[in-house]
Amino acid sequence: MSPLRKLAKVRPISDRAKLQFVEAMNSNNMATIEERRSDGRTFLSSNHNHDFWFWSDGKDDPHWRFDEVV
């Protein structure tokens, strides 16, 4: 894993995200932070399913919340 990428624990909030969490992520809450934009958006990828990528707007996101694993 590249040292620029960090792990995060994700939590689905919306019904859509909960369905994606079960189907695409196999209920595995670990994800990789791929990119952080200056506007606060964060791009993540599932550690279980590397073909599943998603955005989170942090605390303002209606679908996903995440905490960086230090």
N, C-alpha and C. Protein backbone atom coordinates (compact mmCIF):
# COMPACT_ATOMS: atom_id res chain seq x y z
N MET A 1 0.85 -1.18 0.00
CA MET A 1 0.00 0.00 0.00
C MET A 1 0.89 1.23 0.00
N SER A 2 0.56 2.19 -0.80
CA SER A 2 1.29 3.43 -0.88
C SER A 2 1.20 4.19 0.46
N PRO A 3 2.29 4.82 0.89
CA PRO A 3 2.24 5.56 2.16
C PRO A 3 1.29 6.76 2.13
N LEU A 4 0.90 7.20 0.93
CA LEU A 4 -0.03 8.32 0.83
C LEU A 4 -1.47 7.89 1.09
N ARG A 5 -1.73 6.60 0.98
CA ARG A 5 -3.08 6.09 1.20
C ARG A 5 -3.22 5.68 2.65
N LYS A 6 -4.38 5.95 3.22
CA LYS A 6 -4.63 5.60 4.61
C LYS A 6 -5.92 4.81 4.71
N LEU A 7 -6.02 4.02 5.75
CA LEU A 7 -7.22 3.23 5.98
C LEU A 7 -8.27 4.06 6.71
N ALA A 8 -9.52 3.69 6.46
CA ALA A 8 -10.65 4.35 7.12
C ALA A 8 -11.71 3.29 7.45
N LYS A 9 -12.41 3.53 8.54
CA LYS A 9 -13.59 2.72 8.87
C LYS A 9 -14.79 3.52 8.39
N VAL A 10 -15.63 2.89 7.58
CA VAL A 10 -16.78 3.58 7.02
C VAL A 10 -18.07 3.08 7.66
N ARG A 11 -19.06 3.97 7.69
CA ARG A 11 -20.39 3.64 8.21
C ARG A 11 -21.43 4.11 7.19
N PRO A 12 -22.27 3.21 6.72
CA PRO A 12 -23.34 3.62 5.80
C PRO A 12 -24.45 4.34 6.59
N ILE A 13 -24.99 5.39 6.01
CA ILE A 13 -26.05 6.18 6.66
C ILE A 13 -27.39 5.98 5.95
N SER A 14 -27.40 6.19 4.64
CA SER A 14 -28.64 6.09 3.88
C SER A 14 -28.98 4.65 3.54
N ASP A 15 -30.21 4.41 3.13
CA ASP A 15 -30.62 3.06 2.71
C ASP A 15 -29.80 2.59 1.50
N ARG A 16 -29.52 3.51 0.58
CA ARG A 16 -28.72 3.17 -0.60
C ARG A 16 -27.32 2.72 -0.18
N ALA A 17 -26.70 3.47 0.74
CA ALA A 17 -25.36 3.12 1.21
C ALA A 17 -25.37 1.81 1.98
N LYS A 18 -26.42 1.57 2.74
CA LYS A 18 -26.51 0.31 3.50
C LYS A 18 -26.59 -0.88 2.55
N LEU A 19 -27.32 -0.73 1.44
CA LEU A 19 -27.40 -1.79 0.45
C LEU A 19 -26.03 -2.00 -0.22
N GLN A 20 -25.36 -0.92 -0.58
CA GLN A 20 -24.02 -1.02 -1.16
C GLN A 20 -23.04 -1.65 -0.17
N PHE A 21 -23.18 -1.31 1.09
CA PHE A 21 -22.31 -1.85 2.13
C PHE A 21 -22.41 -3.37 2.20
N VAL A 22 -23.63 -3.89 2.09
CA VAL A 22 -23.84 -5.34 2.13
C VAL A 22 -23.44 -5.99 0.81
N GLU A 23 -23.90 -5.44 -0.31
CA GLU A 23 -23.69 -6.10 -1.60
C GLU A 23 -22.28 -5.90 -2.16
N ALA A 24 -21.78 -4.68 -2.13
CA ALA A 24 -20.48 -4.40 -2.77
C ALA A 24 -19.31 -4.55 -1.81
N MET A 25 -19.55 -4.29 -0.52
CA MET A 25 -18.44 -4.33 0.43
C MET A 25 -18.48 -5.56 1.33
N ASN A 26 -19.49 -6.40 1.17
CA ASN A 26 -19.63 -7.62 1.97
C ASN A 26 -19.60 -7.31 3.47
N SER A 27 -20.18 -6.19 3.85
CA SER A 27 -20.26 -5.72 5.24
C SER A 27 -18.89 -5.53 5.88
N ASN A 28 -17.87 -5.33 5.07
CA ASN A 28 -16.52 -5.06 5.57
C ASN A 28 -16.36 -3.54 5.63
N ASN A 29 -16.20 -2.99 6.82
CA ASN A 29 -16.21 -1.54 6.97
C ASN A 29 -14.85 -0.88 6.74
N MET A 30 -13.85 -1.61 6.29
CA MET A 30 -12.54 -1.02 6.02
C MET A 30 -12.46 -0.55 4.57
N ALA A 31 -11.93 0.65 4.39
CA ALA A 31 -11.77 1.23 3.06
C ALA A 31 -10.43 1.96 3.01
N THR A 32 -9.97 2.24 1.81
CA THR A 32 -8.74 2.98 1.60
C THR A 32 -9.07 4.38 1.13
N ILE A 33 -8.46 5.37 1.76
CA ILE A 33 -8.62 6.76 1.33
C ILE A 33 -7.71 6.94 0.12
N GLU A 34 -8.33 7.16 -1.04
CA GLU A 34 -7.58 7.29 -2.29
C GLU A 34 -7.16 8.73 -2.56
N GLU A 35 -8.07 9.66 -2.25
CA GLU A 35 -7.78 11.07 -2.54
C GLU A 35 -8.63 11.95 -1.64
N ARG A 36 -8.04 13.07 -1.26
CA ARG A 36 -8.79 14.11 -0.53
C ARG A 36 -8.70 15.40 -1.33
N ARG A 37 -9.85 15.98 -1.59
CA ARG A 37 -9.88 17.22 -2.35
C ARG A 37 -9.89 18.41 -1.40
N SER A 38 -9.51 19.54 -1.92
CA SER A 38 -9.46 20.76 -1.09
C SER A 38 -10.84 21.21 -0.63
N ASP A 39 -11.90 20.77 -1.34
CA ASP A 39 -13.26 21.15 -0.93
C ASP A 39 -13.82 20.24 0.16
N GLY A 40 -13.02 19.27 0.64
CA GLY A 40 -13.45 18.41 1.73
C GLY A 40 -13.96 17.04 1.30
N ARG A 41 -14.16 16.84 0.01
CA ARG A 41 -14.61 15.53 -0.46
C ARG A 41 -13.47 14.53 -0.38
N THR A 42 -13.82 13.30 -0.04
CA THR A 42 -12.84 12.23 0.07
C THR A 42 -13.28 11.07 -0.79
N PHE A 43 -12.35 10.54 -1.57
CA PHE A 43 -12.60 9.42 -2.47
C PHE A 43 -12.07 8.17 -1.79
N LEU A 44 -12.92 7.15 -1.64
CA LEU A 44 -12.55 5.93 -0.95
C LEU A 44 -12.78 4.71 -1.83
N SER A 45 -12.04 3.65 -1.55
CA SER A 45 -12.27 2.37 -2.23
C SER A 45 -12.40 1.28 -1.18
N SER A 46 -13.24 0.33 -1.47
CA SER A 46 -13.49 -0.79 -0.58
C SER A 46 -12.26 -1.69 -0.51
N ASN A 47 -11.88 -2.13 0.68
CA ASN A 47 -10.78 -3.09 0.80
C ASN A 47 -11.22 -4.49 0.40
N HIS A 48 -12.50 -4.76 0.50
CA HIS A 48 -13.01 -6.09 0.14
C HIS A 48 -13.21 -6.22 -1.37
N ASN A 49 -13.73 -5.17 -1.98
CA ASN A 49 -14.05 -5.19 -3.41
C ASN A 49 -13.39 -3.97 -4.05
N HIS A 50 -12.23 -4.17 -4.65
CA HIS A 50 -11.46 -3.06 -5.19
C HIS A 50 -12.11 -2.38 -6.39
N ASP A 51 -13.18 -2.95 -6.90
CA ASP A 51 -13.93 -2.32 -7.99
C ASP A 51 -15.00 -1.37 -7.48
N PHE A 52 -15.19 -1.30 -6.17
CA PHE A 52 -16.21 -0.42 -5.60
C PHE A 52 -15.53 0.80 -4.99
N TRP A 53 -15.81 1.96 -5.58
CA TRP A 53 -15.24 3.24 -5.15
C TRP A 53 -16.40 4.18 -4.83
N PHE A 54 -16.19 5.10 -3.91
CA PHE A 54 -17.26 6.04 -3.57
C PHE A 54 -16.68 7.32 -2.96
N TRP A 55 -17.49 8.38 -3.04
CA TRP A 55 -17.13 9.66 -2.46
C TRP A 55 -17.82 9.83 -1.12
N SER A 56 -17.19 10.58 -0.24
CA SER A 56 -17.84 11.00 1.00
C SER A 56 -17.53 12.48 1.22
N ASP A 57 -18.54 13.21 1.64
CA ASP A 57 -18.36 14.62 1.98
C ASP A 57 -18.15 14.79 3.48
N GLY A 58 -17.70 13.76 4.14
CA GLY A 58 -17.45 13.84 5.58
C GLY A 58 -18.74 13.93 6.36
N LYS A 59 -18.78 14.81 7.32
CA LYS A 59 -19.94 14.93 8.21
C LYS A 59 -21.19 15.46 7.49
N ASP A 60 -21.00 16.07 6.31
CA ASP A 60 -22.13 16.60 5.54
C ASP A 60 -22.70 15.58 4.56
N ASP A 61 -22.08 14.41 4.44
CA ASP A 61 -22.51 13.43 3.46
C ASP A 61 -23.76 12.69 3.94
N PRO A 62 -24.79 12.62 3.10
CA PRO A 62 -26.03 11.93 3.51
C PRO A 62 -25.94 10.41 3.41
N HIS A 63 -24.85 9.90 2.81
CA HIS A 63 -24.75 8.46 2.58
C HIS A 63 -23.69 7.75 3.42
N TRP A 64 -22.52 8.37 3.58
CA TRP A 64 -21.39 7.70 4.25
C TRP A 64 -20.73 8.59 5.29
N ARG A 65 -20.26 7.99 6.36
CA ARG A 65 -19.39 8.62 7.35
C ARG A 65 -18.13 7.75 7.42
N PHE A 66 -17.01 8.35 7.76
CA PHE A 66 -15.80 7.55 7.91
C PHE A 66 -14.89 8.16 8.97
N ASP A 67 -14.10 7.30 9.58
CA ASP A 67 -13.09 7.71 10.55
C ASP A 67 -11.77 7.14 10.08
N GLU A 68 -10.76 8.00 9.99
CA GLU A 68 -9.45 7.54 9.56
C GLU A 68 -8.83 6.67 10.65
N VAL A 69 -8.24 5.56 10.24
CA VAL A 69 -7.55 4.67 11.16
C VAL A 69 -6.11 5.15 11.26
N VAL A 70 -5.69 5.48 12.45
CA VAL A 70 -4.35 6.05 12.64
C VAL A 70 -3.35 4.96 12.95
